[in-house]
Amino acid sequence: MKKAMILGLAAVFALCVTGNVFAQSDAEKECVAKCTEAAAMITKDGQDAAVAEINKKDGKFVKGDIYVFLMDMSGVMLAHPMSPNLIGKNLLDMKDKEGKEFFKEFISLAKEKGTGWVDYMWPKPGEEAPSKKSSYILKVEGKDLLVGAGIYK
């Protein structure tokens, strides 16, 4: 009886963990897809059209807590639907609550690898306290720009 209970609990635990992995995987896929679509829009329709769409809180580059932002390689935020106060500011020296200069990491990653993930602390939309976040960064081909979208953990 004891073994059956332990096996049952282990099976439930395994299903919960597996479910969370798949859910996160779907969120990661959504970040990659939205960044790829935003980069394609910049290339096809131009930066101004992409900035206008990325800045829309209810636009196609926002889904729940996932949203795309656009930066240039000098650290200036060009579009951000959830924090319009950041637009036009150079954020290169901004640090998260743990002292991480994550915007510098975004740019280094974009320049060196073209794409990848960066972990840092950032407030969820509508909140002030920072939460753990991981953002997918994608360099826009042929431009000194990067797009990013992240998931809260």
C-alpha atoms as a PDB file:
ATOM      1  CA  MET A   1       0.000   0.000   0.000  1.00  0.00           C
ATOM      2  CA  LYS A   2       2.809   2.384   0.938  1.00  0.00           C
ATOM      3  CA  LYS A   3       4.676   1.642  -2.307  1.00  0.00           C
ATOM      4  CA  ALA A   4       1.551   2.280  -4.367  1.00  0.00           C
ATOM      5  CA  MET A   5       1.036   5.647  -2.681  1.00  0.00           C
ATOM      6  CA  ILE A   6       4.658   6.650  -3.227  1.00  0.00           C
ATOM      7  CA  LEU A   7       4.507   5.583  -6.885  1.00  0.00           C
ATOM      8  CA  GLY A   8       1.232   7.479  -7.323  1.00  0.00           C
ATOM      9  CA  LEU A   9       2.664  10.637  -5.795  1.00  0.00           C
ATOM     10  CA  ALA A  10       5.805  10.311  -7.920  1.00  0.00           C
ATOM     11  CA  ALA A  11       3.662   9.975 -11.062  1.00  0.00           C
ATOM     12  CA  VAL A  12       1.625  13.078 -10.169  1.00  0.00           C
ATOM     13  CA  PHE A  13       4.812  15.025  -9.443  1.00  0.00           C
ATOM     14  CA  ALA A  14       6.336  13.917 -12.768  1.00  0.00           C
ATOM     15  CA  LEU A  15       3.221  15.035 -14.654  1.00  0.00           C
ATOM     16  CA  CYS A  16       3.272  18.436 -12.943  1.00  0.00           C
ATOM     17  CA  VAL A  17       6.947  18.984 -13.746  1.00  0.00           C
ATOM     18  CA  THR A  18       6.463  17.819 -17.345  1.00  0.00           C
ATOM     19  CA  GLY A  19       3.463  20.125 -17.736  1.00  0.00           C
ATOM     20  CA  ASN A  20       5.479  23.111 -16.511  1.00  0.00           C
ATOM     21  CA  VAL A  21       8.316  22.310 -18.911  1.00  0.00           C
ATOM     22  CA  PHE A  22       5.901  22.176 -21.850  1.00  0.00           C
ATOM     23  CA  ALA A  23       4.184  25.403 -20.773  1.00  0.00           C
ATOM     24  CA  GLN A  24       7.504  27.220 -20.497  1.00  0.00           C
ATOM     25  CA  SER A  25       8.573  25.760 -23.805  1.00  0.00           C
ATOM     26  CA  ASP A  26       5.425  27.177 -25.425  1.00  0.00           C
ATOM     27  CA  ALA A  27       6.137  30.599 -23.877  1.00  0.00           C
ATOM     28  CA  GLU A  28       9.724  30.462 -25.120  1.00  0.00           C
ATOM     29  CA  LYS A  29       8.475  29.549 -28.599  1.00  0.00           C
ATOM     30  CA  GLU A  30       6.094  32.529 -28.451  1.00  0.00           C
ATOM     31  CA  CYS A  31       8.995  34.875 -27.603  1.00  0.00           C
ATOM     32  CA  VAL A  32      11.056  33.561 -30.503  1.00  0.00           C
ATOM     33  CA  ALA A  33       8.111  33.797 -32.913  1.00  0.00           C
ATOM     34  CA  LYS A  34       7.206  37.369 -31.891  1.00  0.00           C
ATOM     35  CA  CYS A  35      10.830  38.539 -32.171  1.00  0.00           C
ATOM     36  CA  THR A  36      11.223  36.882 -35.565  1.00  0.00           C
ATOM     37  CA  GLU A  37       8.008  38.512 -36.781  1.00  0.00           C
ATOM     38  CA  ALA A  38       9.047  41.936 -35.449  1.00  0.00           C
ATOM     39  CA  ALA A  39      12.495  41.694 -37.086  1.00  0.00           C
ATOM     40  CA  ALA A  40      10.858  40.700 -40.386  1.00  0.00           C
ATOM     41  CA  MET A  41       8.495  43.685 -40.128  1.00  0.00           C
ATOM     42  CA  ILE A  42      11.448  46.056 -39.605  1.00  0.00           C
ATOM     43  CA  THR A  43      13.160  44.635 -42.696  1.00  0.00           C
ATOM     44  CA  LYS A  44      10.009  44.597 -44.855  1.00  0.00           C
ATOM     45  CA  ASP A  45       7.949  47.614 -43.727  1.00  0.00           C
ATOM     46  CA  GLY A  46      10.635  49.804 -42.170  1.00  0.00           C
ATOM     47  CA  GLN A  47      11.593  50.809 -38.674  1.00  0.00           C
ATOM     48  CA  ASP A  48       8.893  53.483 -38.254  1.00  0.00           C
ATOM     49  CA  ALA A  49       6.057  51.042 -39.011  1.00  0.00           C
ATOM     50  CA  ALA A  50       7.543  48.455 -36.652  1.00  0.00           C
ATOM     51  CA  VAL A  51       8.039  51.003 -33.853  1.00  0.00           C
ATOM     52  CA  ALA A  52       4.388  52.064 -34.143  1.00  0.00           C
ATOM     53  CA  GLU A  53       3.177  48.450 -33.934  1.00  0.00           C
ATOM     54  CA  ILE A  54       5.564  47.380 -31.155  1.00  0.00           C
ATOM     55  CA  ASN A  55       4.479  50.351 -29.024  1.00  0.00           C
ATOM     56  CA  LYS A  56       0.796  49.266 -29.083  1.00  0.00           C
ATOM     57  CA  LYS A  57      -0.212  47.664 -25.778  1.00  0.00           C
ATOM     58  CA  ASP A  58      -2.930  45.769 -27.636  1.00  0.00           C
ATOM     59  CA  GLY A  59      -0.897  45.152 -30.805  1.00  0.00           C
ATOM     60  CA  LYS A  60       0.227  41.943 -32.425  1.00  0.00           C
ATOM     61  CA  PHE A  61       3.534  41.929 -30.531  1.00  0.00           C
ATOM     62  CA  VAL A  62       1.873  41.637 -27.106  1.00  0.00           C
ATOM     63  CA  LYS A  63       0.344  38.460 -25.678  1.00  0.00           C
ATOM     64  CA  GLY A  64      -0.299  38.393 -21.943  1.00  0.00           C
ATOM     65  CA  ASP A  65       3.001  39.069 -20.151  1.00  0.00           C
ATOM     66  CA  ILE A  66       4.977  38.506 -23.369  1.00  0.00           C
ATOM     67  CA  TYR A  67       5.780  41.640 -25.350  1.00  0.00           C
ATOM     68  CA  VAL A  68       8.419  42.730 -27.855  1.00  0.00           C
ATOM     69  CA  PHE A  69      10.746  45.681 -27.301  1.00  0.00           C
ATOM     70  CA  LEU A  70      13.166  47.303 -29.764  1.00  0.00           C
ATOM     71  CA  MET A  71      16.611  48.775 -29.013  1.00  0.00           C
ATOM     72  CA  ASP A  72      19.500  50.086 -31.032  1.00  0.00           C
ATOM     73  CA  MET A  73      23.030  48.783 -30.483  1.00  0.00           C
ATOM     74  CA  SER A  74      24.062  51.892 -28.569  1.00  0.00           C
ATOM     75  CA  GLY A  75      21.554  51.066 -25.807  1.00  0.00           C
ATOM     76  CA  VAL A  76      18.688  53.408 -26.726  1.00  0.00           C
ATOM     77  CA  MET A  77      15.196  51.950 -26.287  1.00  0.00           C
ATOM     78  CA  LEU A  78      13.231  52.652 -29.469  1.00  0.00           C
ATOM     79  CA  ALA A  79       9.933  50.909 -28.674  1.00  0.00           C
ATOM     80  CA  HIS A  80       8.419  49.373 -25.532  1.00  0.00           C
ATOM     81  CA  PRO A  81       4.659  48.792 -25.161  1.00  0.00           C
ATOM     82  CA  MET A  82       4.649  48.422 -21.371  1.00  0.00           C
ATOM     83  CA  SER A  83       7.138  51.129 -20.343  1.00  0.00           C
ATOM     84  CA  PRO A  84       6.850  54.059 -22.749  1.00  0.00           C
ATOM     85  CA  ASN A  85       8.893  56.154 -20.293  1.00  0.00           C
ATOM     86  CA  LEU A  86      11.965  54.151 -21.418  1.00  0.00           C
ATOM     87  CA  ILE A  87      11.609  55.144 -25.081  1.00  0.00           C
ATOM     88  CA  GLY A  88      14.411  57.412 -26.265  1.00  0.00           C
ATOM     89  CA  LYS A  89      16.573  56.726 -23.215  1.00  0.00           C
ATOM     90  CA  ASN A  90      20.011  55.145 -23.275  1.00  0.00           C
ATOM     91  CA  LEU A  91      19.747  52.202 -20.876  1.00  0.00           C
ATOM     92  CA  LEU A  92      23.251  50.825 -21.323  1.00  0.00           C
ATOM     93  CA  ASP A  93      24.277  51.431 -17.704  1.00  0.00           C
ATOM     94  CA  MET A  94      20.973  50.369 -16.106  1.00  0.00           C
ATOM     95  CA  LYS A  95      21.332  47.509 -13.627  1.00  0.00           C
ATOM     96  CA  ASP A  96      18.757  45.144 -12.198  1.00  0.00           C
ATOM     97  CA  LYS A  97      18.347  44.772  -8.418  1.00  0.00           C
ATOM     98  CA  GLU A  98      21.193  42.232  -8.382  1.00  0.00           C
ATOM     99  CA  GLY A  99      23.597  44.604 -10.152  1.00  0.00           C
ATOM    100  CA  LYS A 100      23.431  42.922 -13.552  1.00  0.00           C
ATOM    101  CA  GLU A 101      23.902  45.238 -16.553  1.00  0.00           C
ATOM    102  CA  PHE A 102      21.478  43.248 -18.651  1.00  0.00           C
ATOM    103  CA  PHE A 103      21.073  45.785 -21.463  1.00  0.00           C
ATOM    104  CA  LYS A 104      24.831  45.511 -22.076  1.00  0.00           C
ATOM    105  CA  GLU A 105      24.342  41.739 -22.171  1.00  0.00           C
ATOM    106  CA  PHE A 106      21.525  42.104 -24.730  1.00  0.00           C
ATOM    107  CA  ILE A 107      23.826  44.092 -27.018  1.00  0.00           C
ATOM    108  CA  SER A 108      26.852  41.826 -26.547  1.00  0.00           C
ATOM    109  CA  LEU A 109      24.747  38.761 -27.270  1.00  0.00           C
ATOM    110  CA  ALA A 110      23.219  40.345 -30.384  1.00  0.00           C
ATOM    111  CA  LYS A 111      26.634  41.422 -31.712  1.00  0.00           C
ATOM    112  CA  GLU A 112      28.484  38.195 -30.902  1.00  0.00           C
ATOM    113  CA  LYS A 113      25.903  35.461 -31.518  1.00  0.00           C
ATOM    114  CA  GLY A 114      22.940  37.192 -33.156  1.00  0.00           C
ATOM    115  CA  THR A 115      20.453  35.485 -30.863  1.00  0.00           C
ATOM    116  CA  GLY A 116      20.035  33.927 -27.425  1.00  0.00           C
ATOM    117  CA  TRP A 117      18.565  34.263 -23.933  1.00  0.00           C
ATOM    118  CA  VAL A 118      19.479  36.592 -21.048  1.00  0.00           C
ATOM    119  CA  ASP A 119      18.260  36.149 -17.445  1.00  0.00           C
ATOM    120  CA  TYR A 120      17.691  39.201 -15.233  1.00  0.00           C
ATOM    121  CA  MET A 121      15.209  40.878 -12.881  1.00  0.00           C
ATOM    122  CA  TRP A 122      12.419  43.109 -14.271  1.00  0.00           C
ATOM    123  CA  PRO A 123       8.976  44.168 -12.992  1.00  0.00           C
ATOM    124  CA  LYS A 124       5.919  42.442 -14.454  1.00  0.00           C
ATOM    125  CA  PRO A 125       3.524  44.808 -16.272  1.00  0.00           C
ATOM    126  CA  GLY A 126       1.621  46.847 -13.671  1.00  0.00           C
ATOM    127  CA  GLU A 127       4.000  45.920 -10.838  1.00  0.00           C
ATOM    128  CA  GLU A 128       6.929  47.738  -9.274  1.00  0.00           C
ATOM    129  CA  ALA A 129       8.827  44.878  -7.630  1.00  0.00           C
ATOM    130  CA  PRO A 130      11.186  43.066 -10.013  1.00  0.00           C
ATOM    131  CA  SER A 131      10.646  39.386 -10.871  1.00  0.00           C
ATOM    132  CA  LYS A 132      12.923  36.841 -12.505  1.00  0.00           C
ATOM    133  CA  LYS A 133      12.738  37.172 -16.279  1.00  0.00           C
ATOM    134  CA  SER A 134      14.442  35.584 -19.255  1.00  0.00           C
ATOM    135  CA  SER A 135      14.408  37.446 -22.582  1.00  0.00           C
ATOM    136  CA  TYR A 136      15.074  36.151 -26.046  1.00  0.00           C
ATOM    137  CA  ILE A 137      17.253  38.604 -27.977  1.00  0.00           C
ATOM    138  CA  LEU A 138      17.445  38.709 -31.783  1.00  0.00           C
ATOM    139  CA  LYS A 139      19.656  40.989 -33.860  1.00  0.00           C
ATOM    140  CA  VAL A 140      17.759  42.451 -36.800  1.00  0.00           C
ATOM    141  CA  GLU A 141      19.628  41.353 -39.905  1.00  0.00           C
ATOM    142  CA  GLY A 142      21.442  44.175 -41.679  1.00  0.00           C
ATOM    143  CA  LYS A 143      20.553  46.720 -38.983  1.00  0.00           C
ATOM    144  CA  ASP A 144      22.131  48.012 -35.761  1.00  0.00           C
ATOM    145  CA  LEU A 145      18.971  46.964 -33.919  1.00  0.00           C
ATOM    146  CA  LEU A 146      17.806  44.166 -31.666  1.00  0.00           C
ATOM    147  CA  VAL A 147      14.377  42.982 -30.665  1.00  0.00           C
ATOM    148  CA  GLY A 148      13.614  41.125 -27.476  1.00  0.00           C
ATOM    149  CA  ALA A 149      10.712  39.399 -25.737  1.00  0.00           C
ATOM    150  CA  GLY A 150      10.734  37.676 -22.382  1.00  0.00           C
ATOM    151  CA  ILE A 151       9.002  35.377 -19.986  1.00  0.00           C
ATOM    152  CA  TYR A 152       8.662  35.766 -16.256  1.00  0.00           C
ATOM    153  CA  LYS A 153       9.740  32.778 -14.200  1.00  0.00           C
END
